[in-house]
Structures are given as structure tokens and as C-alpha cells.
């Protein structure tokens, strides 16, 4: 179950949420409770995607990656189905409880599901993967904007969502070529951790001191990867 969640990527949720906050509120530091709630919301959506991915890919992994959680017997397809359902519903509930838009959370779940359904069948699914990250930060930004009483999302958040979409598409394009290629696999892992640095640059440009935390999270992500935590 833990391996199926790709724990080495979870720090990127913290940096994504930090940029979403800075894009909406600038250099002001976020309230700890609100920030933690948004990260938890993102984690629920993320876990929904990861657990569904391993469930949908069970047969594919059995023939190509026998050491992955489902083929090696660490977790069953039925357990992943239940876990992903709970995670997805929890993400929707948290999104509403935090003052977000139901439509944003619902569309995010739909796009995640579409990616998991088609990523092995359609090369264009890389754009769906990019949309997953872009929609997640828009959902986070809506929560932050509503908490501040701002009815309209700032252009800086929209530009960040587009930039994160493009960066995630790049990672997905490279990842589609990783099977049986150790160097490509290593490049994918570096790019995944590099999302924290990507966010650090955005935070620096937005005048937020949170860029320091993003760099520290990048170092933590690299450490998790080197300790063998799954990232792909």
C-alpha cells in the first residue's frame, strides 16, 4: 500500500501548495491549519491517482514489473480499489470543507481517472497527466482565494498552473520511454524531484521566503529516492 503511493513524490505536494498560496497572497506566510488542510486535500487526490494506477496496471506490471506491489502480492487489486475510492471521496469532502469549488475537485478526479484508463493506450495521455497537476494547484488556489475573500484567481496562479502542466507533461513524455532503460529511469527520478526546485524558482519570483522550504524539500525528496522509496 505504501509503495503504491510513490512516497518519494509526496513532498512535491507541499511545494505545489506553497506556490499556489504565494500566487494568491504574495509574500505573506500561510496559516498553518489552512495550508495543512490544502496539502492533505492534495494528498487524497494524489493517493487516489496512485492507487488507481497500480490497480489498473496490475496485468501490465505482472508481465513487466513483477516486483511492484500488486504482482509481488504486497497488496491486492480489491484493497487498492477500496483505498482509492476512500481517498478520492476524502479529497472531494476536504475540498468543500476548506471552502473550495466542488466542480474543481470533481473535474480533477475525472481527469485522474481518464489518465489511468488511457495512459497505456494513448500517447496523448501525457497531457492528461499534466492536467492533473495543473488542476490540483488551481483547486488549491481556489481554496486560498476564497479564504481571502477574493472571487477571481490572479493571473500569476494561472501562469503557474500552465507552467506546472507543461513541466509534468515533460516528465510524462520521458517516463513513457523508461521501460528497460536505466538511464531514462534515472532521468525521470531526477525530474520528479526537480519539481521542488521548479517550485522554488516560482516562489523566489513571487517574493516568498517559502522557496527555502522548497529547496529543503527537494533535498528530502532526493534522500527518499536514494533510500529506495518508490517514485515511479
Protein backbone atom coordinates (compact mmCIF):
# COMPACT_ATOMS: atom_id res chain seq x y z
CA UNK A 1 0.00 0.00 0.00
CA UNK A 2 2.74 2.46 0.94
CA UNK A 3 4.86 1.55 -2.07
CA UNK A 4 1.85 2.02 -4.34
CA UNK A 5 1.58 5.62 -3.12
CA UNK A 6 5.02 6.51 -4.57
CA UNK A 7 6.02 8.21 -1.28
CA UNK A 8 9.10 9.88 -2.76
CA UNK A 9 6.82 12.25 -4.72
CA UNK A 10 4.70 13.44 -1.80
CA UNK A 11 6.99 16.40 -0.89
CA UNK A 12 6.08 17.98 -4.24
CA UNK A 13 2.52 18.44 -2.96
CA UNK A 14 3.87 20.73 -0.23
CA UNK A 15 5.78 22.88 -2.71
CA UNK A 16 2.88 22.97 -5.20
CA UNK A 17 0.57 24.23 -2.45
CA UNK A 18 3.16 26.79 -1.35
CA UNK A 19 3.34 28.30 -4.83
CA UNK A 20 -0.47 28.31 -5.10
CA UNK A 21 -0.59 30.27 -1.83
CA UNK A 22 2.14 32.71 -2.88
CA UNK A 23 0.46 33.28 -6.24
CA UNK A 24 -2.74 34.28 -4.43
CA UNK A 25 -1.38 36.04 -1.33
CA UNK A 26 2.19 37.03 -2.20
CA UNK A 27 4.96 37.02 0.40
CA UNK A 28 2.60 36.54 3.34
CA UNK A 29 3.10 33.22 5.12
CA UNK A 30 0.06 30.89 5.05
CA UNK A 31 -1.91 29.98 8.18
CA UNK A 32 -0.62 26.57 9.26
CA UNK A 33 -4.07 24.98 9.54
CA UNK A 34 -5.29 26.13 6.14
CA UNK A 35 -2.05 25.17 4.43
CA UNK A 36 -2.01 21.73 6.07
CA UNK A 37 -5.64 21.19 5.07
CA UNK A 38 -4.92 22.00 1.42
CA UNK A 39 -1.87 19.72 1.37
CA UNK A 40 -3.98 16.94 2.89
CA UNK A 41 -6.61 17.54 0.22
CA UNK A 42 -3.93 17.26 -2.46
CA UNK A 43 -2.58 14.11 -0.83
CA UNK A 44 -6.02 12.49 -1.01
CA UNK A 45 -6.34 13.26 -4.73
CA UNK A 46 -2.74 12.10 -5.26
CA UNK A 47 -3.31 8.80 -3.44
CA UNK A 48 -6.48 8.24 -5.44
CA UNK A 49 -4.44 8.54 -8.63
CA UNK A 50 -1.53 6.39 -7.46
CA UNK A 51 -3.62 3.56 -6.03
CA UNK A 52 -5.92 3.54 -9.06
CA UNK A 53 -2.87 3.48 -11.32
CA UNK A 54 -1.46 0.34 -9.72
CA UNK A 55 -4.92 -1.27 -9.76
CA UNK A 56 -5.49 -0.56 -13.46
CA UNK A 57 -1.93 -1.58 -14.39
CA UNK A 58 -1.95 -4.87 -12.44
CA UNK A 59 -1.72 -7.12 -15.51
CA UNK A 60 0.79 -4.90 -17.28
CA UNK A 61 3.02 -4.79 -14.20
CA UNK A 62 2.76 -8.57 -13.74
CA UNK A 63 4.44 -9.14 -17.10
CA UNK A 64 6.99 -6.31 -16.96
CA UNK A 65 7.50 -5.23 -13.33
CA UNK A 66 6.95 -8.34 -11.14
CA UNK A 67 8.47 -6.57 -8.13
CA UNK A 68 5.72 -3.93 -8.00
CA UNK A 69 3.18 -4.13 -5.14
CA UNK A 70 0.31 -5.98 -6.86
CA UNK A 71 2.35 -8.60 -8.80
CA UNK A 72 4.53 -9.41 -5.80
CA UNK A 73 1.49 -9.86 -3.56
CA UNK A 74 2.12 -6.90 -1.23
CA UNK A 75 -1.39 -5.55 -1.87
CA UNK A 76 -4.44 -6.82 -3.74
CA UNK A 77 -6.44 -5.18 -6.51
CA UNK A 78 -9.57 -5.19 -4.34
CA UNK A 79 -7.78 -3.39 -1.49
CA UNK A 80 -6.44 -0.77 -3.89
CA UNK A 81 -9.94 -0.25 -5.30
CA UNK A 82 -11.31 0.39 -1.80
CA UNK A 83 -8.42 2.64 -0.79
CA UNK A 84 -8.61 4.72 -3.94
CA UNK A 85 -12.38 5.20 -3.50
CA UNK A 86 -11.92 6.39 0.09
CA UNK A 87 -9.05 8.70 -0.92
CA UNK A 88 -10.96 10.24 -3.82
CA UNK A 89 -14.10 10.89 -1.75
CA UNK A 90 -11.97 12.29 1.09
CA UNK A 91 -10.35 14.71 -1.35
CA UNK A 92 -13.76 15.96 -2.50
CA UNK A 93 -15.03 16.35 1.06
CA UNK A 94 -11.91 18.20 2.17
CA UNK A 95 -12.08 20.46 -0.86
CA UNK A 96 -15.62 21.52 0.08
CA UNK A 97 -14.86 21.74 3.82
CA UNK A 98 -11.98 24.11 3.11
CA UNK A 99 -14.20 26.38 1.01
CA UNK A 100 -13.12 25.17 -2.42
CA UNK A 101 -15.20 24.61 -5.53
CA UNK A 102 -16.87 21.21 -5.88
CA UNK A 103 -16.52 21.40 -9.67
CA UNK A 104 -12.74 21.81 -9.43
CA UNK A 105 -12.38 18.69 -7.28
CA UNK A 106 -14.81 16.67 -9.39
CA UNK A 107 -13.09 17.58 -12.67
CA UNK A 108 -9.72 16.69 -11.12
CA UNK A 109 -10.99 13.24 -10.15
CA UNK A 110 -12.39 12.72 -13.65
CA UNK A 111 -9.11 13.69 -15.32
CA UNK A 112 -7.11 11.44 -12.99
CA UNK A 113 -9.44 8.56 -13.84
CA UNK A 114 -9.17 9.22 -17.57
CA UNK A 115 -5.38 9.24 -17.33
CA UNK A 116 -5.32 5.89 -15.55
CA UNK A 117 -7.71 4.42 -18.10
CA UNK A 118 -5.86 5.57 -21.22
CA UNK A 119 -2.18 6.12 -20.34
CA UNK A 120 -1.13 2.72 -21.71
CA UNK A 121 -3.31 3.09 -24.82
CA UNK A 122 -2.83 6.70 -25.91
CA UNK A 123 0.43 8.65 -26.13
CA UNK A 124 -1.52 11.88 -25.72
CA UNK A 125 -2.32 10.87 -22.16
CA UNK A 126 0.78 12.82 -21.13
CA UNK A 127 -1.41 15.91 -21.43
CA UNK A 128 -3.94 14.37 -19.06
CA UNK A 129 -1.12 13.83 -16.55
CA UNK A 130 -0.15 17.47 -16.94
CA UNK A 131 -3.77 18.49 -16.41
CA UNK A 132 -3.83 16.52 -13.15
CA UNK A 133 -1.13 18.71 -11.62
CA UNK A 134 -2.44 21.89 -13.18
CA UNK A 135 -5.97 21.30 -11.92
CA UNK A 136 -4.70 20.36 -8.46
CA UNK A 137 -2.95 23.72 -7.98
CA UNK A 138 -6.00 25.56 -9.34
CA UNK A 139 -8.16 23.74 -6.79
CA UNK A 140 -5.68 24.70 -4.07
CA UNK A 141 -5.61 28.30 -5.31
CA UNK A 142 -9.41 28.49 -5.21
CA UNK A 143 -9.37 27.44 -1.54
CA UNK A 144 -6.77 30.11 -0.73
CA UNK A 145 -8.58 32.77 -2.76
CA UNK A 146 -11.95 32.07 -1.15
CA UNK A 147 -10.35 32.14 2.32
CA UNK A 148 -9.09 35.63 1.50
CA UNK A 149 -12.43 36.73 0.08
CA UNK A 150 -11.03 37.05 -3.44
CA UNK A 151 -13.57 36.00 -6.10
CA UNK A 152 -11.13 35.90 -9.02
CA UNK A 153 -7.94 33.86 -9.38
CA UNK A 154 -4.87 36.02 -10.07
CA UNK A 155 -3.04 35.71 -13.37
CA UNK A 156 0.10 34.54 -11.56
CA UNK A 157 -1.70 31.38 -10.40
CA UNK A 158 -2.97 30.68 -13.91
CA UNK A 159 0.54 31.05 -15.31
CA UNK A 160 1.92 28.75 -12.62
CA UNK A 161 -0.76 26.14 -13.33
CA UNK A 162 0.18 26.26 -17.01
CA UNK A 163 3.90 26.02 -16.22
CA UNK A 164 3.34 23.05 -13.91
CA UNK A 165 1.16 21.45 -16.59
CA UNK A 166 4.00 21.77 -19.13
CA UNK A 167 6.66 20.53 -16.69
CA UNK A 168 4.54 17.50 -15.77
CA UNK A 169 3.91 16.73 -19.45
CA UNK A 170 7.69 16.72 -19.97
CA UNK A 171 8.17 14.25 -17.11
CA UNK A 172 5.43 12.01 -18.50
CA UNK A 173 6.91 12.08 -22.01
CA UNK A 174 10.28 10.94 -20.67
CA UNK A 175 8.64 8.34 -18.39
CA UNK A 176 6.92 6.68 -21.35
CA UNK A 177 10.40 5.63 -22.55
CA UNK A 178 11.77 4.35 -19.23
CA UNK A 179 10.91 0.63 -19.53
CA UNK A 180 14.15 -1.35 -19.62
CA UNK A 181 16.28 1.80 -19.83
CA UNK A 182 18.08 2.52 -16.55
CA UNK A 183 19.39 5.92 -17.70
CA UNK A 184 15.93 7.08 -18.69
CA UNK A 185 14.55 5.81 -15.38
CA UNK A 186 17.22 7.82 -13.56
CA UNK A 187 16.29 10.91 -15.58
CA UNK A 188 12.63 10.51 -14.65
CA UNK A 189 13.52 10.28 -10.96
CA UNK A 190 15.63 13.45 -11.22
CA UNK A 191 12.84 15.30 -12.98
CA UNK A 192 10.32 14.24 -10.34
CA UNK A 193 12.47 15.60 -7.53
CA UNK A 194 13.22 18.64 -9.71
CA UNK A 195 9.59 19.71 -9.38
CA UNK A 196 10.51 21.03 -5.92
CA UNK A 197 13.24 23.19 -7.48
CA UNK A 198 10.83 24.28 -10.21
CA UNK A 199 8.51 25.45 -7.43
CA UNK A 200 11.39 27.08 -5.56
CA UNK A 201 12.07 29.29 -8.59
CA UNK A 202 8.41 30.31 -8.73
CA UNK A 203 8.39 31.09 -5.01
CA UNK A 204 11.53 33.19 -5.37
CA UNK A 205 9.99 35.13 -8.27
CA UNK A 206 6.82 35.68 -6.21
CA UNK A 207 8.89 37.13 -3.37
CA UNK A 208 8.09 34.35 -0.88
CA UNK A 209 10.60 33.02 1.60
CA UNK A 210 8.95 29.65 1.21
CA UNK A 211 11.46 28.99 -1.59
CA UNK A 212 13.88 27.97 1.16
CA UNK A 213 11.49 25.26 2.29
CA UNK A 214 11.06 24.11 -1.30
CA UNK A 215 14.81 23.62 -1.65
CA UNK A 216 14.91 21.69 1.62
CA UNK A 217 12.05 19.50 0.40
CA UNK A 218 13.96 18.87 -2.81
CA UNK A 219 16.88 17.61 -0.69
CA UNK A 220 14.46 15.46 1.30
CA UNK A 221 12.96 14.07 -1.89
CA UNK A 222 16.38 13.13 -3.22
CA UNK A 223 17.16 11.42 0.08
CA UNK A 224 13.94 9.42 -0.09
CA UNK A 225 14.79 8.38 -3.65
CA UNK A 226 18.29 7.29 -2.65
CA UNK A 227 16.86 5.28 0.26
CA UNK A 228 14.82 3.33 -2.26
CA UNK A 229 11.40 4.93 -1.84
CA UNK A 230 9.35 4.41 -4.98
CA UNK A 231 8.87 7.43 -7.25
CA UNK A 232 7.53 5.87 -10.49
